[in-house]
Amino acid sequence: MRTGVRKGAAPGMVAVVVAMLLSGCGGVGESEEERTDRAMKAILKEYRPRFEQRRAALAAAAARLPKDSPDKNSCARKLDPQPEFRHFDHKSLVLDSYNSPDQGGNVDIASANEAHTPERIADDPGWTLGRFAVAPGWLIRGMWITGPQGPLGTNRFEVTGRYGYEPYKGVEKDPSRRLRKILDVGLHKRYAALFRVTAYREPGRPGDEAAVVKADVFLADLEKGDIPCRLTATGEPLFVKGHWYSTTPYEDMQTSFQLDISSKLAAMTRS
């Protein structure tokens, strides 16, 4: 099965149907809202098989993770394409320049024990969870949207509005084309960094330098079906002379954890 992202409008009957619906040639007496809903569901059905492949690959990778921690940061083979991990900053404005397939990186991230059920991955990963989590990227979100809990099953779109701004909202007004762009970004994620927390102490009071998260991280190739790279990563609040640098230490831990993964992956996969 081809799992690569196809750019532009999709060929075939789906594109014809979507175009007819968007131009008002759908069901007689339909409102614009109903035509848009029908067009978006056609797009979801078109993309769903490819996201199901990614869902199966993610679950298979999570089931094969080694039980032992990596003894060193290493890759078993040369990776092509090279992995590029950019952490998802849900506080930033999300536009074309940030989340286009060519600029948003090709690696997503997920907790290893939740990777087989993407819809359970924390969608509000704050300190009140009592465990360490990171905001899901667009591969996970695409699985949510196209999965049984998405519009085809529940008729609800849930996963794009809770972090900053919905992607492309400022540059793509048509909701159907915007949905297609969102799903293309998700399918551009060739790899998944699956992390398994080995130590976690959430921030307590300011100046508590014991706050830390440590994890084993395994890079899964979702097309080849193997786990070529493994490493360990750490996230901590930012400290200046024994005091937290910001008022958001948990978010600092999330960011520094992902930046640690990003820098180590780059060092391991670029000669």
Protein backbone atom coordinates (compact mmCIF):
# COMPACT_ATOMS: atom_id res chain seq x y z
CA MET A 1 0.00 0.00 0.00
CA ARG A 2 1.29 3.46 -0.81
CA THR A 3 1.51 5.57 2.31
CA GLY A 4 3.29 8.64 0.98
CA VAL A 5 1.60 12.02 0.97
CA ARG A 6 0.03 13.08 -2.27
CA LYS A 7 0.28 16.79 -2.88
CA GLY A 8 -2.54 18.92 -4.23
CA ALA A 9 -6.07 17.82 -4.97
CA ALA A 10 -6.72 14.09 -4.98
CA PRO A 11 -7.43 12.45 -8.34
CA GLY A 12 -10.44 10.35 -9.10
CA MET A 13 -14.05 10.41 -8.20
CA VAL A 14 -13.54 11.66 -4.64
CA ALA A 15 -12.09 14.92 -5.91
CA VAL A 16 -14.95 15.28 -8.39
CA VAL A 17 -17.53 14.70 -5.70
CA VAL A 18 -15.83 17.13 -3.32
CA ALA A 19 -15.65 19.79 -6.04
CA MET A 20 -19.33 19.36 -6.83
CA LEU A 21 -20.26 19.64 -3.19
CA LEU A 22 -18.13 22.72 -2.66
CA SER A 23 -19.68 24.38 -5.71
CA GLY A 24 -23.18 23.77 -4.49
CA CYS A 25 -24.02 20.85 -6.80
CA GLY A 26 -24.63 18.38 -4.02
CA GLY A 27 -27.98 17.30 -2.64
CA VAL A 28 -30.99 19.39 -3.56
CA GLY A 29 -31.92 21.81 -0.80
CA GLU A 30 -28.71 21.28 1.17
CA SER A 31 -27.37 24.21 3.14
CA GLU A 32 -23.77 25.36 2.75
CA GLU A 33 -23.01 23.83 6.14
CA GLU A 34 -24.43 20.48 5.06
CA ARG A 35 -22.47 20.55 1.79
CA THR A 36 -19.27 21.34 3.67
CA ASP A 37 -19.92 18.53 6.14
CA ARG A 38 -20.50 16.08 3.30
CA ALA A 39 -17.32 17.22 1.51
CA MET A 40 -15.22 16.87 4.65
CA LYS A 41 -16.53 13.37 5.31
CA ALA A 42 -15.58 12.41 1.74
CA ILE A 43 -12.04 13.63 2.44
CA LEU A 44 -11.92 11.66 5.70
CA LYS A 45 -12.94 8.47 3.92
CA GLU A 46 -10.26 9.07 1.31
CA TYR A 47 -7.49 9.53 3.90
CA ARG A 48 -8.65 6.95 6.42
CA PRO A 49 -6.92 3.88 4.87
CA ARG A 50 -3.53 5.59 5.01
CA PHE A 51 -4.05 6.64 8.61
CA GLU A 52 -5.14 3.12 9.46
CA GLN A 53 -1.81 1.91 8.06
CA ARG A 54 -0.01 4.39 10.29
CA ARG A 55 -2.14 3.35 13.28
CA ALA A 56 -1.27 -0.32 12.74
CA ALA A 57 2.42 0.48 12.27
CA LEU A 58 2.49 2.55 15.46
CA ALA A 59 0.83 -0.21 17.49
CA ALA A 60 3.19 -2.85 16.05
CA ALA A 61 6.24 -0.75 16.90
CA ALA A 62 5.05 -0.16 20.47
CA ALA A 63 4.53 -3.91 20.93
CA ARG A 64 8.13 -4.65 19.83
CA LEU A 65 10.00 -2.17 22.00
CA PRO A 66 12.96 -3.66 23.88
CA LYS A 67 12.38 -4.07 27.59
CA ASP A 68 15.87 -2.90 28.49
CA SER A 69 17.00 0.71 28.41
CA PRO A 70 19.43 1.67 25.65
CA ASP A 71 23.05 1.18 26.77
CA LYS A 72 24.04 4.01 24.40
CA ASN A 73 22.48 6.34 21.88
CA SER A 74 22.70 4.54 18.55
CA CYS A 75 21.13 3.77 15.18
CA ALA A 76 21.30 0.33 13.62
CA ARG A 77 21.23 1.62 10.06
CA LYS A 78 21.47 4.76 7.98
CA LEU A 79 18.11 6.46 7.69
CA ASP A 80 16.72 7.82 4.45
CA PRO A 81 14.99 10.17 4.69
CA GLN A 82 16.83 11.58 7.68
CA PRO A 83 14.58 12.07 10.71
CA GLU A 84 13.86 15.64 11.72
CA PHE A 85 11.99 16.13 14.98
CA ARG A 86 10.48 19.49 15.80
CA HIS A 87 8.60 19.68 19.04
CA PHE A 88 4.99 20.80 18.86
CA ASP A 89 4.69 24.10 20.68
CA HIS A 90 0.98 24.43 21.37
CA LYS A 91 1.46 28.01 22.58
CA SER A 92 2.64 29.18 19.18
CA LEU A 93 0.62 30.37 16.23
CA VAL A 94 0.23 27.45 13.86
CA LEU A 95 0.39 28.54 10.23
CA ASP A 96 1.73 27.33 6.89
CA SER A 97 5.29 28.32 7.74
CA TYR A 98 5.26 26.17 10.90
CA ASN A 99 3.33 23.06 9.92
CA SER A 100 3.82 22.59 6.20
CA PRO A 101 5.04 19.05 5.43
CA ASP A 102 8.40 20.35 4.23
CA GLN A 103 9.02 22.50 7.32
CA GLY A 104 7.34 20.74 10.23
CA GLY A 105 9.68 17.77 10.42
CA ASN A 106 8.91 14.12 9.70
CA VAL A 107 8.86 12.74 13.26
CA ASP A 108 5.92 12.64 15.67
CA ILE A 109 6.09 11.70 19.35
CA ALA A 110 3.95 9.53 21.59
CA SER A 111 4.07 7.72 24.89
CA ALA A 112 4.96 4.07 24.20
CA ASN A 113 2.20 2.66 26.41
CA GLU A 114 -0.46 4.68 24.61
CA ALA A 115 0.77 4.41 21.03
CA HIS A 116 -1.56 1.53 20.22
CA THR A 117 -4.56 3.70 21.15
CA PRO A 118 -3.84 7.22 19.82
CA GLU A 119 -7.27 8.45 20.90
CA ARG A 120 -6.23 7.95 24.54
CA ILE A 121 -3.10 10.08 24.33
CA ALA A 122 -3.51 13.07 26.62
CA ASP A 123 -4.96 16.00 24.72
CA ASP A 124 -4.31 18.40 27.63
CA PRO A 125 -0.89 17.31 28.90
CA GLY A 126 -0.52 19.49 31.98
CA TRP A 127 0.92 18.80 35.42
CA THR A 128 -2.49 17.78 36.81
CA LEU A 129 -2.27 14.48 34.91
CA GLY A 130 0.04 13.12 37.59
CA ARG A 131 2.28 11.69 34.88
CA PHE A 132 4.51 13.09 32.18
CA ALA A 133 3.01 13.65 28.73
CA VAL A 134 3.55 15.85 25.69
CA ALA A 135 1.10 17.44 23.32
CA PRO A 136 0.30 15.09 20.41
CA GLY A 137 1.52 16.09 16.98
CA TRP A 138 -0.32 15.97 13.68
CA LEU A 139 0.11 12.26 12.99
CA ILE A 140 -1.68 11.46 16.25
CA ARG A 141 -4.26 14.14 15.56
CA GLY A 142 -4.88 12.74 12.09
CA MET A 143 -5.48 9.33 13.66
CA TRP A 144 -7.99 10.93 16.01
CA ILE A 145 -9.80 12.74 13.22
CA THR A 146 -9.97 9.73 10.88
CA GLY A 147 -10.50 7.14 13.63
CA PRO A 148 -13.74 5.73 15.05
CA GLN A 149 -14.00 8.56 17.57
CA GLY A 150 -13.78 11.17 14.79
CA PRO A 151 -16.48 12.62 12.54
CA LEU A 152 -17.10 9.35 10.70
CA GLY A 153 -17.99 7.72 14.01
CA THR A 154 -19.21 10.51 16.29
CA ASN A 155 -19.72 13.38 13.84
CA ARG A 156 -17.42 15.60 15.90
CA PHE A 157 -14.14 17.35 15.15
CA GLU A 158 -12.26 17.54 18.44
CA VAL A 159 -8.54 17.63 18.09
CA THR A 160 -7.39 20.78 16.32
CA GLY A 161 -8.72 23.68 18.36
CA ARG A 162 -7.22 23.23 21.81
CA TYR A 163 -3.64 24.24 21.06
CA GLY A 164 -3.02 27.78 19.91
CA TYR A 165 -4.72 28.18 16.56
CA GLU A 166 -6.08 25.58 14.19
CA PRO A 167 -3.45 25.06 11.50
CA TYR A 168 -3.88 27.01 8.29
CA LYS A 169 -6.87 28.90 9.64
CA GLY A 170 -5.24 32.22 8.85
CA VAL A 171 -4.20 31.25 5.34
CA GLU A 172 -6.77 28.72 4.16
CA LYS A 173 -10.38 29.77 4.67
CA ASP A 174 -12.05 26.83 2.98
CA PRO A 175 -12.58 24.16 5.69
CA SER A 176 -12.33 21.21 3.28
CA ARG A 177 -9.00 22.29 1.81
CA ARG A 178 -7.78 23.11 5.32
CA LEU A 179 -8.70 19.60 6.49
CA ARG A 180 -6.78 18.11 3.58
CA LYS A 181 -3.69 20.15 4.52
CA ILE A 182 -3.94 19.07 8.16
CA LEU A 183 -4.11 15.41 7.17
CA ASP A 184 -1.23 15.79 4.71
CA VAL A 185 0.93 17.17 7.53
CA GLY A 186 0.09 14.15 9.68
CA LEU A 187 0.91 11.67 6.93
CA HIS A 188 4.25 13.39 6.33
CA LYS A 189 5.42 11.97 9.68
CA ARG A 190 7.46 8.98 8.54
CA TYR A 191 8.83 8.28 12.04
CA ALA A 192 7.53 8.18 15.60
CA ALA A 193 9.62 8.79 18.71
CA LEU A 194 8.10 6.43 21.28
CA PHE A 195 9.13 7.36 24.81
CA ARG A 196 8.95 5.25 27.97
CA VAL A 197 9.34 7.25 31.17
CA THR A 198 11.92 5.77 33.55
CA ALA A 199 11.98 8.53 36.17
CA TYR A 200 9.61 11.42 36.82
CA ARG A 201 9.35 13.98 39.56
CA GLU A 202 6.94 16.78 38.80
CA PRO A 203 7.71 20.35 39.84
CA GLY A 204 6.89 21.08 43.46
CA ARG A 205 7.84 24.44 44.87
CA PRO A 206 10.02 27.01 43.09
CA GLY A 207 13.69 26.13 43.35
CA ASP A 208 13.00 22.40 43.62
CA GLU A 209 15.86 21.20 41.45
CA ALA A 210 14.79 17.57 41.83
CA ALA A 211 12.03 18.09 39.24
CA VAL A 212 12.98 15.99 36.22
CA VAL A 213 11.76 13.51 33.63
CA LYS A 214 13.95 10.81 32.14
CA ALA A 215 12.89 8.40 29.42
CA ASP A 216 14.01 5.74 26.99
CA VAL A 217 13.20 6.82 23.44
CA PHE A 218 12.85 4.51 20.45
CA LEU A 219 12.55 5.83 16.90
CA ALA A 220 10.12 3.73 14.87
CA ASP A 221 10.15 3.79 11.07
CA LEU A 222 6.45 3.53 10.26
CA GLU A 223 7.02 2.49 6.65
CA LYS A 224 9.83 -0.03 7.02
CA GLY A 225 8.36 -1.39 10.24
CA ASP A 226 11.52 -1.45 12.35
CA ILE A 227 13.02 0.50 15.26
CA PRO A 228 16.36 1.73 13.90
CA CYS A 229 17.38 4.18 16.67
CA ARG A 230 17.32 4.25 20.45
CA LEU A 231 18.43 6.84 22.97
CA THR A 232 17.74 8.31 26.40
CA ALA A 233 16.41 11.83 26.97
CA THR A 234 15.96 14.19 29.91
CA GLY A 235 13.69 17.15 30.55
CA GLU A 236 14.02 19.68 33.37
CA PRO A 237 12.67 23.09 34.33
CA LEU A 238 14.95 25.99 33.48
CA PHE A 239 16.94 27.10 36.50
CA VAL A 240 18.83 30.30 37.18
CA LYS A 241 20.72 30.35 40.48
CA GLY A 242 18.42 27.80 42.07
CA HIS A 243 15.19 29.42 40.95
CA TRP A 244 12.86 28.56 38.11
CA TYR A 245 13.38 30.75 35.11
CA SER A 246 9.65 30.86 34.29
CA THR A 247 6.27 30.29 35.90
CA THR A 248 5.61 27.25 33.71
CA PRO A 249 8.12 24.63 34.89
CA TYR A 250 6.11 21.65 33.63
CA GLU A 251 5.95 23.13 30.14
CA ASP A 252 9.69 23.82 30.40
CA MET A 253 10.20 20.12 31.11
CA GLN A 254 8.11 19.16 28.07
CA THR A 255 10.04 21.51 25.82
CA SER A 256 13.52 20.63 27.08
CA PHE A 257 12.70 16.91 26.86
CA GLN A 258 11.71 17.22 23.21
CA LEU A 259 14.66 19.46 22.39
CA ASP A 260 16.98 16.87 23.93
CA ILE A 261 15.47 14.21 21.64
CA SER A 262 15.76 16.52 18.64
CA SER A 263 19.44 17.35 19.19
CA LYS A 264 20.42 13.74 19.90
CA LEU A 265 18.57 12.41 16.87
CA ALA A 266 20.29 15.00 14.69
CA ALA A 267 23.70 14.04 16.07
CA MET A 268 23.01 10.33 15.56
CA THR A 269 21.67 10.51 12.01
CA ARG A 270 23.77 13.21 10.36
CA SER A 271 27.39 12.49 9.51
